[in-house]
Amino acid sequence: MEELERILPVRYELEKEDIEVARVLSNDKGRAIIEQLAKKPCSYHELSEELGLPAPTIQYHINRLMRLDIVEYEEVRGLRNQPTKMFRLSKPVGVVYVPDVRIRAKNREIIESH
């Protein structure tokens, strides 16, 4: 076991919010929304068109990102003076890509076998 402790990274205690942020960032659609908003503020409609995703999918991910304070919005007047929510990142976000699931599964097998 001592050998594994030297090889494997130290375990960190994660807060619930950290785990939820990791889940959002590991999701292709959530990450695509973040990457698009890093370029420029967008409305639901613009995100849907730019990413080729249905509006309900965009709304679901935007709501998750807003609960985590990753995304915020400003209401602006659009065409015909209609209020439109323009979403933007509320703070800089670094996207960390998680290694392939098969690699994590193999590491788990190694840990469990010792």
C-alpha atoms as a PDB file:
ATOM      1  CA  MET A   1       0.000   0.000   0.000  1.00  0.00           C
ATOM      2  CA  GLU A   2       2.889   2.390   0.723  1.00  0.00           C
ATOM      3  CA  GLU A   3       4.042   2.033  -2.875  1.00  0.00           C
ATOM      4  CA  LEU A   4       0.591   3.063  -4.134  1.00  0.00           C
ATOM      5  CA  GLU A   5       0.562   6.076  -1.833  1.00  0.00           C
ATOM      6  CA  ARG A   6       3.772   7.279  -3.466  1.00  0.00           C
ATOM      7  CA  ILE A   7       2.423   6.766  -7.010  1.00  0.00           C
ATOM      8  CA  LEU A   8      -1.194   7.909  -6.725  1.00  0.00           C
ATOM      9  CA  PRO A   9      -2.104  11.552  -6.188  1.00  0.00           C
ATOM     10  CA  VAL A  10      -3.166  12.799  -2.773  1.00  0.00           C
ATOM     11  CA  ARG A  11      -6.906  12.607  -2.172  1.00  0.00           C
ATOM     12  CA  TYR A  12      -8.640  15.919  -1.571  1.00  0.00           C
ATOM     13  CA  GLU A  13     -11.858  16.531   0.306  1.00  0.00           C
ATOM     14  CA  LEU A  14     -14.254  18.120  -2.162  1.00  0.00           C
ATOM     15  CA  GLU A  15     -17.196  20.307  -1.343  1.00  0.00           C
ATOM     16  CA  LYS A  16     -20.581  19.491  -2.913  1.00  0.00           C
ATOM     17  CA  GLU A  17     -20.300  22.583  -5.102  1.00  0.00           C
ATOM     18  CA  ASP A  18     -16.860  21.495  -6.359  1.00  0.00           C
ATOM     19  CA  ILE A  19     -18.302  18.139  -7.380  1.00  0.00           C
ATOM     20  CA  GLU A  20     -21.207  19.814  -9.190  1.00  0.00           C
ATOM     21  CA  VAL A  21     -18.823  22.169 -11.015  1.00  0.00           C
ATOM     22  CA  ALA A  22     -16.735  19.159 -12.073  1.00  0.00           C
ATOM     23  CA  ARG A  23     -19.877  17.457 -13.387  1.00  0.00           C
ATOM     24  CA  VAL A  24     -20.871  20.522 -15.382  1.00  0.00           C
ATOM     25  CA  LEU A  25     -17.385  20.909 -16.854  1.00  0.00           C
ATOM     26  CA  SER A  26     -17.160  17.226 -17.725  1.00  0.00           C
ATOM     27  CA  ASN A  27     -20.382  17.465 -19.741  1.00  0.00           C
ATOM     28  CA  ASP A  28     -19.761  18.271 -23.415  1.00  0.00           C
ATOM     29  CA  LYS A  29     -22.836  20.493 -23.707  1.00  0.00           C
ATOM     30  CA  GLY A  30     -22.187  22.444 -20.510  1.00  0.00           C
ATOM     31  CA  ARG A  31     -18.552  22.921 -21.479  1.00  0.00           C
ATOM     32  CA  ALA A  32     -19.560  24.053 -24.998  1.00  0.00           C
ATOM     33  CA  ILE A  33     -21.859  26.695 -23.496  1.00  0.00           C
ATOM     34  CA  ILE A  34     -19.064  27.948 -21.237  1.00  0.00           C
ATOM     35  CA  GLU A  35     -16.630  28.070 -24.155  1.00  0.00           C
ATOM     36  CA  GLN A  36     -19.153  30.006 -26.281  1.00  0.00           C
ATOM     37  CA  LEU A  37     -19.871  32.486 -23.469  1.00  0.00           C
ATOM     38  CA  ALA A  38     -16.130  32.978 -22.996  1.00  0.00           C
ATOM     39  CA  LYS A  39     -16.107  34.393 -26.541  1.00  0.00           C
ATOM     40  CA  LYS A  40     -19.094  36.734 -26.157  1.00  0.00           C
ATOM     41  CA  PRO A  41     -22.388  37.180 -24.279  1.00  0.00           C
ATOM     42  CA  CYS A  42     -25.264  35.278 -25.921  1.00  0.00           C
ATOM     43  CA  SER A  43     -29.010  34.835 -25.603  1.00  0.00           C
ATOM     44  CA  TYR A  44     -30.718  31.433 -25.359  1.00  0.00           C
ATOM     45  CA  HIS A  45     -31.517  31.700 -29.069  1.00  0.00           C
ATOM     46  CA  GLU A  46     -27.951  32.578 -30.060  1.00  0.00           C
ATOM     47  CA  LEU A  47     -26.523  29.724 -27.977  1.00  0.00           C
ATOM     48  CA  SER A  48     -29.001  27.318 -29.514  1.00  0.00           C
ATOM     49  CA  GLU A  49     -28.073  28.395 -33.051  1.00  0.00           C
ATOM     50  CA  GLU A  50     -24.305  28.573 -32.459  1.00  0.00           C
ATOM     51  CA  LEU A  51     -24.108  25.172 -30.749  1.00  0.00           C
ATOM     52  CA  GLY A  52     -26.833  23.394 -32.684  1.00  0.00           C
ATOM     53  CA  LEU A  53     -28.613  22.380 -29.480  1.00  0.00           C
ATOM     54  CA  PRO A  54     -32.347  22.550 -28.725  1.00  0.00           C
ATOM     55  CA  ALA A  55     -33.533  25.465 -26.554  1.00  0.00           C
ATOM     56  CA  PRO A  56     -34.616  23.220 -23.619  1.00  0.00           C
ATOM     57  CA  THR A  57     -31.103  21.735 -23.469  1.00  0.00           C
ATOM     58  CA  ILE A  58     -29.578  25.220 -23.420  1.00  0.00           C
ATOM     59  CA  GLN A  59     -32.009  26.323 -20.678  1.00  0.00           C
ATOM     60  CA  TYR A  60     -31.221  23.258 -18.551  1.00  0.00           C
ATOM     61  CA  HIS A  61     -27.467  23.839 -18.705  1.00  0.00           C
ATOM     62  CA  ILE A  62     -27.734  27.613 -18.263  1.00  0.00           C
ATOM     63  CA  ASN A  63     -29.827  27.091 -15.116  1.00  0.00           C
ATOM     64  CA  ARG A  64     -27.209  24.714 -13.705  1.00  0.00           C
ATOM     65  CA  LEU A  65     -24.426  27.186 -14.528  1.00  0.00           C
ATOM     66  CA  MET A  66     -26.348  30.040 -12.917  1.00  0.00           C
ATOM     67  CA  ARG A  67     -26.943  28.034  -9.704  1.00  0.00           C
ATOM     68  CA  LEU A  68     -23.174  27.573  -9.491  1.00  0.00           C
ATOM     69  CA  ASP A  69     -22.521  31.293 -10.124  1.00  0.00           C
ATOM     70  CA  ILE A  70     -20.579  30.501 -13.279  1.00  0.00           C
ATOM     71  CA  VAL A  71     -23.038  32.331 -15.550  1.00  0.00           C
ATOM     72  CA  GLU A  72     -25.039  35.493 -15.027  1.00  0.00           C
ATOM     73  CA  TYR A  73     -27.303  37.512 -17.281  1.00  0.00           C
ATOM     74  CA  GLU A  74     -28.280  41.036 -18.098  1.00  0.00           C
ATOM     75  CA  GLU A  75     -31.688  41.824 -19.486  1.00  0.00           C
ATOM     76  CA  VAL A  76     -31.477  43.970 -22.613  1.00  0.00           C
ATOM     77  CA  ARG A  77     -34.049  45.186 -25.104  1.00  0.00           C
ATOM     78  CA  GLY A  78     -33.997  43.218 -28.323  1.00  0.00           C
ATOM     79  CA  LEU A  79     -36.039  43.392 -31.498  1.00  0.00           C
ATOM     80  CA  ARG A  80     -39.387  45.126 -31.092  1.00  0.00           C
ATOM     81  CA  ASN A  81     -38.210  46.305 -27.676  1.00  0.00           C
ATOM     82  CA  GLN A  82     -38.698  42.794 -26.199  1.00  0.00           C
ATOM     83  CA  PRO A  83     -36.622  41.987 -23.105  1.00  0.00           C
ATOM     84  CA  THR A  84     -33.888  39.446 -23.857  1.00  0.00           C
ATOM     85  CA  LYS A  85     -31.535  37.768 -21.392  1.00  0.00           C
ATOM     86  CA  MET A  86     -27.918  38.011 -22.472  1.00  0.00           C
ATOM     87  CA  PHE A  87     -25.794  35.435 -20.649  1.00  0.00           C
ATOM     88  CA  ARG A  88     -22.117  35.834 -19.856  1.00  0.00           C
ATOM     89  CA  LEU A  89     -19.563  34.223 -17.585  1.00  0.00           C
ATOM     90  CA  SER A  90     -19.724  35.726 -14.119  1.00  0.00           C
ATOM     91  CA  LYS A  91     -16.050  34.944 -13.500  1.00  0.00           C
ATOM     92  CA  PRO A  92     -13.188  33.430 -15.447  1.00  0.00           C
ATOM     93  CA  VAL A  93     -13.502  29.660 -15.650  1.00  0.00           C
ATOM     94  CA  GLY A  94     -10.673  27.273 -16.432  1.00  0.00           C
ATOM     95  CA  VAL A  95     -11.834  24.140 -18.184  1.00  0.00           C
ATOM     96  CA  VAL A  96      -9.977  21.020 -17.093  1.00  0.00           C
ATOM     97  CA  TYR A  97     -10.416  17.990 -19.266  1.00  0.00           C
ATOM     98  CA  VAL A  98     -10.932  14.765 -17.326  1.00  0.00           C
ATOM     99  CA  PRO A  99      -8.952  11.757 -18.549  1.00  0.00           C
ATOM    100  CA  ASP A 100     -10.757   9.011 -20.410  1.00  0.00           C
ATOM    101  CA  VAL A 101     -13.145   6.986 -18.223  1.00  0.00           C
ATOM    102  CA  ARG A 102     -11.341   3.762 -19.134  1.00  0.00           C
ATOM    103  CA  ILE A 103      -8.146   5.133 -17.595  1.00  0.00           C
ATOM    104  CA  ARG A 104      -9.979   6.022 -14.364  1.00  0.00           C
ATOM    105  CA  ALA A 105     -11.582   2.568 -14.293  1.00  0.00           C
ATOM    106  CA  LYS A 106      -8.171   0.907 -14.710  1.00  0.00           C
ATOM    107  CA  ASN A 107      -6.766   3.007 -11.825  1.00  0.00           C
ATOM    108  CA  ARG A 108      -9.713   1.955  -9.657  1.00  0.00           C
ATOM    109  CA  GLU A 109      -8.951  -1.713 -10.428  1.00  0.00           C
ATOM    110  CA  ILE A 110      -5.326  -1.186  -9.395  1.00  0.00           C
ATOM    111  CA  ILE A 111      -6.349   0.496  -6.117  1.00  0.00           C
ATOM    112  CA  GLU A 112      -8.954  -2.148  -5.269  1.00  0.00           C
ATOM    113  CA  SER A 113      -6.535  -5.010  -5.947  1.00  0.00           C
ATOM    114  CA  HIS A 114      -4.043  -3.755  -3.337  1.00  0.00           C
END
